[in-house]
Amino acid sequence: MTGSPIKTSRTHDQGAADAATDLVALPGTPLTGAVLQLIKPVESPSVFNHSIRTYLFARLVAAHLGLAVGQDYEDDLLFAACTMHDLGVASDGPHTQRFEVEGADRAAAFLVEHGRSQSDADEVWQAIALHTSSGIAERRGTLCVLVREGVALDFGGPMGNTYADALGDEQADIVHAAYPRLEMIRSLTDAIVAQAAKNPKNGPRYALPGEFLREREAFGRTRMEHACGSSRWGN
């Protein structure tokens, strides 16, 4: 009898540790490894961590919605779309289109080069190209929804709070410990603005990169940065 509480406590602790490990686990597939090799050298640590958190949070949204891996969505494609969604601001990019489209083009070509079908590549292209398009992404299929909502959760509110309850505070702490924010809002905005400034086609009026560029030039700070200051994460 005297040993039972200790055993129970150890079992509980092990269960919590396993849950934490599962929460931040990435798919153990060749495609995952190839994507990581592609993005890590060309994205800032802050943007890279944001990309990984987007996937982890999107996976929680999928579970919250009762979506099953392999039935309602493919985990490899979710990982690819989430983690390459900001590839358009990568340091080695051509920087000749708005960053969402440039990243979508690169991601789709990458998937085809790695043996995925054109249909899979098109699905990822659409999810990346539309991830800043509120009211459109949500109506273009499961992958588009999950990428958009994963990004929204990592912004902590300004992009929407539809699925805020899919991510508990303890879960968020575990993810942020594994992939720190590193002033993500400022870092990503810097990258988007720098990319938009390189070519008039990169920052069209009323598109997110164009508005970010104009707000920074006019006010020194974007409305998104201001809003995120009082968001769930604050940076």
C-alpha atoms as a PDB file:
ATOM      1  CA  MET A   1       0.000   0.000   0.000  1.00  0.00           C
ATOM      2  CA  THR A   2       2.755   2.463   0.868  1.00  0.00           C
ATOM      3  CA  GLY A   3       4.300   2.074  -2.589  1.00  0.00           C
ATOM      4  CA  SER A   4       1.152   2.875  -4.544  1.00  0.00           C
ATOM      5  CA  PRO A   5       1.249   6.688  -4.410  1.00  0.00           C
ATOM      6  CA  ILE A   6       4.868   6.753  -5.592  1.00  0.00           C
ATOM      7  CA  LYS A   7       4.074   4.414  -8.459  1.00  0.00           C
ATOM      8  CA  THR A   8       1.048   6.491  -9.417  1.00  0.00           C
ATOM      9  CA  SER A   9       3.094   9.688  -9.298  1.00  0.00           C
ATOM     10  CA  ARG A  10       5.794   8.204 -11.488  1.00  0.00           C
ATOM     11  CA  THR A  11       3.210   6.942 -13.946  1.00  0.00           C
ATOM     12  CA  HIS A  12       1.611  10.378 -14.065  1.00  0.00           C
ATOM     13  CA  ASP A  13       4.983  12.073 -14.568  1.00  0.00           C
ATOM     14  CA  GLN A  14       5.917   9.665 -17.341  1.00  0.00           C
ATOM     15  CA  GLY A  15       2.560  10.218 -19.006  1.00  0.00           C
ATOM     16  CA  ALA A  16       3.063  13.982 -18.885  1.00  0.00           C
ATOM     17  CA  ALA A  17       6.572  13.640 -20.318  1.00  0.00           C
ATOM     18  CA  ASP A  18       5.309  11.420 -23.129  1.00  0.00           C
ATOM     19  CA  ALA A  19       2.532  13.886 -23.920  1.00  0.00           C
ATOM     20  CA  ALA A  20       5.043  16.739 -24.080  1.00  0.00           C
ATOM     21  CA  THR A  21       7.286  14.727 -26.396  1.00  0.00           C
ATOM     22  CA  ASP A  22       4.360  13.878 -28.668  1.00  0.00           C
ATOM     23  CA  LEU A  23       3.273  17.513 -28.749  1.00  0.00           C
ATOM     24  CA  VAL A  24       6.520  18.714 -30.349  1.00  0.00           C
ATOM     25  CA  ALA A  25       7.272  15.594 -32.403  1.00  0.00           C
ATOM     26  CA  LEU A  26       7.777  16.107 -36.140  1.00  0.00           C
ATOM     27  CA  PRO A  27       6.917  13.531 -38.798  1.00  0.00           C
ATOM     28  CA  GLY A  28       9.742  11.007 -39.143  1.00  0.00           C
ATOM     29  CA  THR A  29       9.640  10.850 -42.923  1.00  0.00           C
ATOM     30  CA  PRO A  30      12.178  11.536 -45.686  1.00  0.00           C
ATOM     31  CA  LEU A  31      10.081  14.477 -46.907  1.00  0.00           C
ATOM     32  CA  THR A  32      10.210  16.088 -43.463  1.00  0.00           C
ATOM     33  CA  GLY A  33      13.983  15.802 -43.420  1.00  0.00           C
ATOM     34  CA  ALA A  34      14.247  17.286 -46.910  1.00  0.00           C
ATOM     35  CA  VAL A  35      12.010  20.224 -46.018  1.00  0.00           C
ATOM     36  CA  LEU A  36      14.032  20.978 -42.890  1.00  0.00           C
ATOM     37  CA  GLN A  37      17.260  20.885 -44.887  1.00  0.00           C
ATOM     38  CA  LEU A  38      15.715  23.347 -47.324  1.00  0.00           C
ATOM     39  CA  ILE A  39      14.313  25.947 -44.936  1.00  0.00           C
ATOM     40  CA  LYS A  40      16.641  25.995 -41.946  1.00  0.00           C
ATOM     41  CA  PRO A  41      19.694  27.489 -43.708  1.00  0.00           C
ATOM     42  CA  VAL A  42      17.707  30.213 -45.493  1.00  0.00           C
ATOM     43  CA  GLU A  43      15.285  31.443 -42.810  1.00  0.00           C
ATOM     44  CA  SER A  44      16.129  33.380 -39.672  1.00  0.00           C
ATOM     45  CA  PRO A  45      15.884  31.314 -36.465  1.00  0.00           C
ATOM     46  CA  SER A  46      12.788  33.306 -35.536  1.00  0.00           C
ATOM     47  CA  VAL A  47      10.979  32.641 -38.832  1.00  0.00           C
ATOM     48  CA  PHE A  48      12.084  28.999 -38.793  1.00  0.00           C
ATOM     49  CA  ASN A  49      10.649  28.497 -35.301  1.00  0.00           C
ATOM     50  CA  HIS A  50       7.429  30.221 -36.370  1.00  0.00           C
ATOM     51  CA  SER A  51       7.160  27.802 -39.294  1.00  0.00           C
ATOM     52  CA  ILE A  52       7.533  24.768 -37.037  1.00  0.00           C
ATOM     53  CA  ARG A  53       5.092  26.134 -34.458  1.00  0.00           C
ATOM     54  CA  THR A  54       2.581  26.731 -37.245  1.00  0.00           C
ATOM     55  CA  TYR A  55       2.651  23.006 -38.001  1.00  0.00           C
ATOM     56  CA  LEU A  56       2.405  21.983 -34.346  1.00  0.00           C
ATOM     57  CA  PHE A  57      -0.509  24.345 -33.768  1.00  0.00           C
ATOM     58  CA  ALA A  58      -2.240  23.317 -37.014  1.00  0.00           C
ATOM     59  CA  ARG A  59      -2.065  19.719 -35.855  1.00  0.00           C
ATOM     60  CA  LEU A  60      -3.821  20.708 -32.624  1.00  0.00           C
ATOM     61  CA  VAL A  61      -6.521  22.496 -34.619  1.00  0.00           C
ATOM     62  CA  ALA A  62      -6.990  19.329 -36.673  1.00  0.00           C
ATOM     63  CA  ALA A  63      -7.450  17.286 -33.493  1.00  0.00           C
ATOM     64  CA  HIS A  64      -9.836  19.909 -32.100  1.00  0.00           C
ATOM     65  CA  LEU A  65     -11.937  19.582 -35.266  1.00  0.00           C
ATOM     66  CA  GLY A  66     -11.924  15.793 -35.043  1.00  0.00           C
ATOM     67  CA  LEU A  67      -9.889  15.414 -38.229  1.00  0.00           C
ATOM     68  CA  ALA A  68      -7.985  12.146 -38.605  1.00  0.00           C
ATOM     69  CA  VAL A  69      -4.472  11.849 -40.030  1.00  0.00           C
ATOM     70  CA  GLY A  70      -4.489   9.744 -43.172  1.00  0.00           C
ATOM     71  CA  GLN A  71      -8.202  10.123 -43.603  1.00  0.00           C
ATOM     72  CA  ASP A  72      -8.973  13.840 -43.536  1.00  0.00           C
ATOM     73  CA  TYR A  73      -5.485  15.146 -44.231  1.00  0.00           C
ATOM     74  CA  GLU A  74      -1.969  13.886 -44.920  1.00  0.00           C
ATOM     75  CA  ASP A  75       0.544  14.763 -42.234  1.00  0.00           C
ATOM     76  CA  ASP A  76       3.470  15.094 -44.657  1.00  0.00           C
ATOM     77  CA  LEU A  77       1.568  17.642 -46.735  1.00  0.00           C
ATOM     78  CA  LEU A  78       0.457  19.543 -43.644  1.00  0.00           C
ATOM     79  CA  PHE A  79       4.054  19.695 -42.455  1.00  0.00           C
ATOM     80  CA  ALA A  80       5.276  20.799 -45.885  1.00  0.00           C
ATOM     81  CA  ALA A  81       2.638  23.509 -46.276  1.00  0.00           C
ATOM     82  CA  CYS A  82       3.042  24.873 -42.751  1.00  0.00           C
ATOM     83  CA  THR A  83       6.807  24.890 -42.638  1.00  0.00           C
ATOM     84  CA  MET A  84       7.287  26.312 -46.142  1.00  0.00           C
ATOM     85  CA  HIS A  85       4.558  28.943 -45.875  1.00  0.00           C
ATOM     86  CA  ASP A  86       7.121  31.740 -45.411  1.00  0.00           C
ATOM     87  CA  LEU A  87       9.654  30.394 -47.894  1.00  0.00           C
ATOM     88  CA  GLY A  88       8.970  33.494 -49.977  1.00  0.00           C
ATOM     89  CA  VAL A  89      11.073  35.583 -47.572  1.00  0.00           C
ATOM     90  CA  ALA A  90      13.995  33.124 -47.574  1.00  0.00           C
ATOM     91  CA  SER A  91      17.396  34.721 -48.025  1.00  0.00           C
ATOM     92  CA  ASP A  92      18.143  32.756 -51.218  1.00  0.00           C
ATOM     93  CA  GLY A  93      14.882  33.514 -53.037  1.00  0.00           C
ATOM     94  CA  PRO A  94      14.484  35.389 -56.332  1.00  0.00           C
ATOM     95  CA  HIS A  95      12.250  37.985 -54.613  1.00  0.00           C
ATOM     96  CA  THR A  96      10.308  38.880 -57.761  1.00  0.00           C
ATOM     97  CA  GLN A  97       6.726  38.207 -56.593  1.00  0.00           C
ATOM     98  CA  ARG A  98       4.674  38.848 -53.468  1.00  0.00           C
ATOM     99  CA  PHE A  99       6.093  36.561 -50.816  1.00  0.00           C
ATOM    100  CA  GLU A 100       3.043  34.282 -50.504  1.00  0.00           C
ATOM    101  CA  VAL A 101       3.128  33.414 -54.217  1.00  0.00           C
ATOM    102  CA  GLU A 102       6.904  33.126 -54.367  1.00  0.00           C
ATOM    103  CA  GLY A 103       6.887  30.733 -51.424  1.00  0.00           C
ATOM    104  CA  ALA A 104       4.036  28.726 -52.917  1.00  0.00           C
ATOM    105  CA  ASP A 105       5.873  28.381 -56.224  1.00  0.00           C
ATOM    106  CA  ARG A 106       9.060  27.208 -54.532  1.00  0.00           C
ATOM    107  CA  ALA A 107       7.234  24.759 -52.283  1.00  0.00           C
ATOM    108  CA  ALA A 108       5.253  23.225 -55.147  1.00  0.00           C
ATOM    109  CA  ALA A 109       8.363  22.794 -57.287  1.00  0.00           C
ATOM    110  CA  PHE A 110      10.205  21.273 -54.328  1.00  0.00           C
ATOM    111  CA  LEU A 111       7.458  18.704 -53.756  1.00  0.00           C
ATOM    112  CA  VAL A 112       7.404  17.629 -57.398  1.00  0.00           C
ATOM    113  CA  GLU A 113      11.205  17.303 -57.340  1.00  0.00           C
ATOM    114  CA  HIS A 114      10.815  14.996 -54.340  1.00  0.00           C
ATOM    115  CA  GLY A 115       8.363  12.669 -56.024  1.00  0.00           C
ATOM    116  CA  ARG A 116       5.014  14.087 -54.958  1.00  0.00           C
ATOM    117  CA  SER A 117       2.184  14.345 -57.464  1.00  0.00           C
ATOM    118  CA  GLN A 118       1.218  17.566 -59.178  1.00  0.00           C
ATOM    119  CA  SER A 119      -2.083  17.356 -57.328  1.00  0.00           C
ATOM    120  CA  ASP A 120      -0.298  17.303 -53.964  1.00  0.00           C
ATOM    121  CA  ALA A 121       1.928  20.167 -55.063  1.00  0.00           C
ATOM    122  CA  ASP A 122      -1.087  22.210 -56.149  1.00  0.00           C
ATOM    123  CA  GLU A 123      -2.807  21.615 -52.810  1.00  0.00           C
ATOM    124  CA  VAL A 124       0.231  22.881 -50.923  1.00  0.00           C
ATOM    125  CA  TRP A 125       0.611  25.784 -53.365  1.00  0.00           C
ATOM    126  CA  GLN A 126      -2.909  26.932 -52.645  1.00  0.00           C
ATOM    127  CA  ALA A 127      -2.523  26.620 -48.853  1.00  0.00           C
ATOM    128  CA  ILE A 128       0.638  28.740 -48.893  1.00  0.00           C
ATOM    129  CA  ALA A 129      -0.534  31.310 -51.436  1.00  0.00           C
ATOM    130  CA  LEU A 130      -3.769  31.918 -49.504  1.00  0.00           C
ATOM    131  CA  HIS A 131      -2.505  31.833 -45.933  1.00  0.00           C
ATOM    132  CA  THR A 132      -2.800  35.631 -45.573  1.00  0.00           C
ATOM    133  CA  SER A 133      -6.218  35.735 -47.296  1.00  0.00           C
ATOM    134  CA  SER A 134      -8.844  35.766 -44.575  1.00  0.00           C
ATOM    135  CA  GLY A 135     -12.260  34.599 -45.746  1.00  0.00           C
ATOM    136  CA  ILE A 136     -10.802  32.785 -48.765  1.00  0.00           C
ATOM    137  CA  ALA A 137      -8.378  30.256 -47.283  1.00  0.00           C
ATOM    138  CA  GLU A 138     -11.114  28.994 -44.969  1.00  0.00           C
ATOM    139  CA  ARG A 139     -13.215  27.961 -47.981  1.00  0.00           C
ATOM    140  CA  ARG A 140     -10.552  26.193 -50.033  1.00  0.00           C
ATOM    141  CA  GLY A 141     -10.242  22.850 -48.298  1.00  0.00           C
ATOM    142  CA  THR A 142      -8.831  21.228 -45.194  1.00  0.00           C
ATOM    143  CA  LEU A 143      -5.165  21.967 -45.833  1.00  0.00           C
ATOM    144  CA  CYS A 144      -5.846  25.658 -46.453  1.00  0.00           C
ATOM    145  CA  VAL A 145      -7.875  25.875 -43.254  1.00  0.00           C
ATOM    146  CA  LEU A 146      -5.253  24.145 -41.121  1.00  0.00           C
ATOM    147  CA  VAL A 147      -2.342  26.230 -42.405  1.00  0.00           C
ATOM    148  CA  ARG A 148      -4.271  29.475 -41.996  1.00  0.00           C
ATOM    149  CA  GLU A 149      -5.385  28.559 -38.467  1.00  0.00           C
ATOM    150  CA  GLY A 150      -1.934  27.319 -37.456  1.00  0.00           C
ATOM    151  CA  VAL A 151      -0.509  30.687 -38.479  1.00  0.00           C
ATOM    152  CA  ALA A 152      -3.342  32.495 -36.705  1.00  0.00           C
ATOM    153  CA  LEU A 153      -2.686  30.640 -33.445  1.00  0.00           C
ATOM    154  CA  ASP A 154       0.976  31.584 -33.577  1.00  0.00           C
ATOM    155  CA  PHE A 155       0.056  35.244 -34.027  1.00  0.00           C
ATOM    156  CA  GLY A 156      -2.044  34.995 -30.882  1.00  0.00           C
ATOM    157  CA  GLY A 157      -5.163  36.842 -31.992  1.00  0.00           C
ATOM    158  CA  PRO A 158      -4.755  39.535 -34.667  1.00  0.00           C
ATOM    159  CA  MET A 159      -5.310  37.013 -37.480  1.00  0.00           C
ATOM    160  CA  GLY A 160      -8.313  35.477 -35.728  1.00  0.00           C
ATOM    161  CA  ASN A 161      -9.228  33.591 -32.574  1.00  0.00           C
ATOM    162  CA  THR A 162     -11.600  31.002 -34.038  1.00  0.00           C
ATOM    163  CA  TYR A 163      -9.677  28.049 -32.611  1.00  0.00           C
ATOM    164  CA  ALA A 164      -7.878  29.665 -29.669  1.00  0.00           C
ATOM    165  CA  ASP A 165      -9.219  26.962 -27.363  1.00  0.00           C
ATOM    166  CA  ALA A 166      -7.466  24.272 -29.421  1.00  0.00           C
ATOM    167  CA  LEU A 167      -4.233  25.331 -27.699  1.00  0.00           C
ATOM    168  CA  GLY A 168      -3.989  25.252 -23.921  1.00  0.00           C
ATOM    169  CA  ASP A 169      -1.543  27.418 -22.017  1.00  0.00           C
ATOM    170  CA  GLU A 170       0.503  24.430 -20.814  1.00  0.00           C
ATOM    171  CA  GLN A 171       0.731  23.115 -24.375  1.00  0.00           C
ATOM    172  CA  ALA A 172       1.803  26.549 -25.589  1.00  0.00           C
ATOM    173  CA  ASP A 173       4.541  26.681 -22.926  1.00  0.00           C
ATOM    174  CA  ILE A 174       5.910  23.317 -24.079  1.00  0.00           C
ATOM    175  CA  VAL A 175       5.954  24.351 -27.728  1.00  0.00           C
ATOM    176  CA  HIS A 176       7.519  27.725 -26.978  1.00  0.00           C
ATOM    177  CA  ALA A 177      10.211  26.088 -24.860  1.00  0.00           C
ATOM    178  CA  ALA A 178      11.124  23.850 -27.799  1.00  0.00           C
ATOM    179  CA  TYR A 179      10.774  26.574 -30.439  1.00  0.00           C
ATOM    180  CA  PRO A 180      11.154  30.029 -28.788  1.00  0.00           C
ATOM    181  CA  ARG A 181       9.439  33.025 -30.349  1.00  0.00           C
ATOM    182  CA  LEU A 182      12.598  35.172 -30.634  1.00  0.00           C
ATOM    183  CA  GLU A 183      10.583  38.347 -31.334  1.00  0.00           C
ATOM    184  CA  MET A 184       8.853  36.614 -34.227  1.00  0.00           C
ATOM    185  CA  ILE A 185       6.418  39.413 -35.077  1.00  0.00           C
ATOM    186  CA  ARG A 186       9.160  41.971 -35.642  1.00  0.00           C
ATOM    187  CA  SER A 187      11.489  39.505 -37.329  1.00  0.00           C
ATOM    188  CA  LEU A 188       8.880  38.227 -39.782  1.00  0.00           C
ATOM    189  CA  THR A 189       7.574  41.722 -40.517  1.00  0.00           C
ATOM    190  CA  ASP A 190      11.137  42.866 -41.204  1.00  0.00           C
ATOM    191  CA  ALA A 191      11.570  40.011 -43.676  1.00  0.00           C
ATOM    192  CA  ILE A 192       8.253  40.644 -45.434  1.00  0.00           C
ATOM    193  CA  VAL A 193       8.925  44.382 -45.724  1.00  0.00           C
ATOM    194  CA  ALA A 194      12.474  43.823 -47.029  1.00  0.00           C
ATOM    195  CA  GLN A 195      11.170  41.370 -49.642  1.00  0.00           C
ATOM    196  CA  ALA A 196       8.339  43.716 -50.680  1.00  0.00           C
ATOM    197  CA  ALA A 197      10.731  46.648 -51.088  1.00  0.00           C
ATOM    198  CA  LYS A 198      12.858  44.828 -53.681  1.00  0.00           C
ATOM    199  CA  ASN A 199      10.334  44.954 -56.525  1.00  0.00           C
ATOM    200  CA  PRO A 200       7.054  46.842 -57.067  1.00  0.00           C
ATOM    201  CA  LYS A 201       5.366  43.510 -57.914  1.00  0.00           C
ATOM    202  CA  ASN A 202       6.281  42.177 -54.474  1.00  0.00           C
ATOM    203  CA  GLY A 203       4.156  44.699 -52.581  1.00  0.00           C
ATOM    204  CA  PRO A 204       0.911  45.383 -54.493  1.00  0.00           C
ATOM    205  CA  ARG A 205      -1.495  47.847 -52.943  1.00  0.00           C
ATOM    206  CA  TYR A 206      -4.000  46.322 -50.489  1.00  0.00           C
ATOM    207  CA  ALA A 207      -2.122  43.002 -50.363  1.00  0.00           C
ATOM    208  CA  LEU A 208      -0.528  42.225 -46.996  1.00  0.00           C
ATOM    209  CA  PRO A 209       3.127  42.738 -48.057  1.00  0.00           C
ATOM    210  CA  GLY A 210       2.279  46.009 -49.792  1.00  0.00           C
ATOM    211  CA  GLU A 211       0.403  47.335 -46.787  1.00  0.00           C
ATOM    212  CA  PHE A 212       3.177  46.265 -44.411  1.00  0.00           C
ATOM    213  CA  LEU A 213       5.701  48.142 -46.565  1.00  0.00           C
ATOM    214  CA  ARG A 214       3.591  51.309 -46.721  1.00  0.00           C
ATOM    215  CA  GLU A 215       2.770  51.270 -43.002  1.00  0.00           C
ATOM    216  CA  ARG A 216       6.418  50.855 -42.073  1.00  0.00           C
ATOM    217  CA  GLU A 217       7.422  53.699 -44.411  1.00  0.00           C
ATOM    218  CA  ALA A 218       4.653  55.986 -43.143  1.00  0.00           C
ATOM    219  CA  PHE A 219       4.522  55.140 -39.448  1.00  0.00           C
ATOM    220  CA  GLY A 220       7.622  53.083 -38.652  1.00  0.00           C
ATOM    221  CA  ARG A 221       5.404  50.250 -37.440  1.00  0.00           C
ATOM    222  CA  THR A 222       2.662  48.117 -38.953  1.00  0.00           C
ATOM    223  CA  ARG A 223      -0.824  47.784 -37.547  1.00  0.00           C
ATOM    224  CA  MET A 224      -0.121  44.069 -37.137  1.00  0.00           C
ATOM    225  CA  GLU A 225       2.878  44.798 -34.917  1.00  0.00           C
ATOM    226  CA  HIS A 226       0.776  47.183 -32.853  1.00  0.00           C
ATOM    227  CA  ALA A 227      -2.042  44.659 -32.473  1.00  0.00           C
ATOM    228  CA  CYS A 228       0.328  41.848 -31.526  1.00  0.00           C
ATOM    229  CA  GLY A 229       1.672  43.925 -28.655  1.00  0.00           C
ATOM    230  CA  SER A 230      -1.517  43.104 -26.747  1.00  0.00           C
ATOM    231  CA  SER A 231      -2.045  39.640 -28.207  1.00  0.00           C
ATOM    232  CA  ARG A 232      -1.911  36.298 -26.403  1.00  0.00           C
ATOM    233  CA  TRP A 233       1.871  36.011 -26.847  1.00  0.00           C
ATOM    234  CA  GLY A 234       2.842  39.664 -27.072  1.00  0.00           C
ATOM    235  CA  ASN A 235       5.552  39.265 -29.699  1.00  0.00           C
END
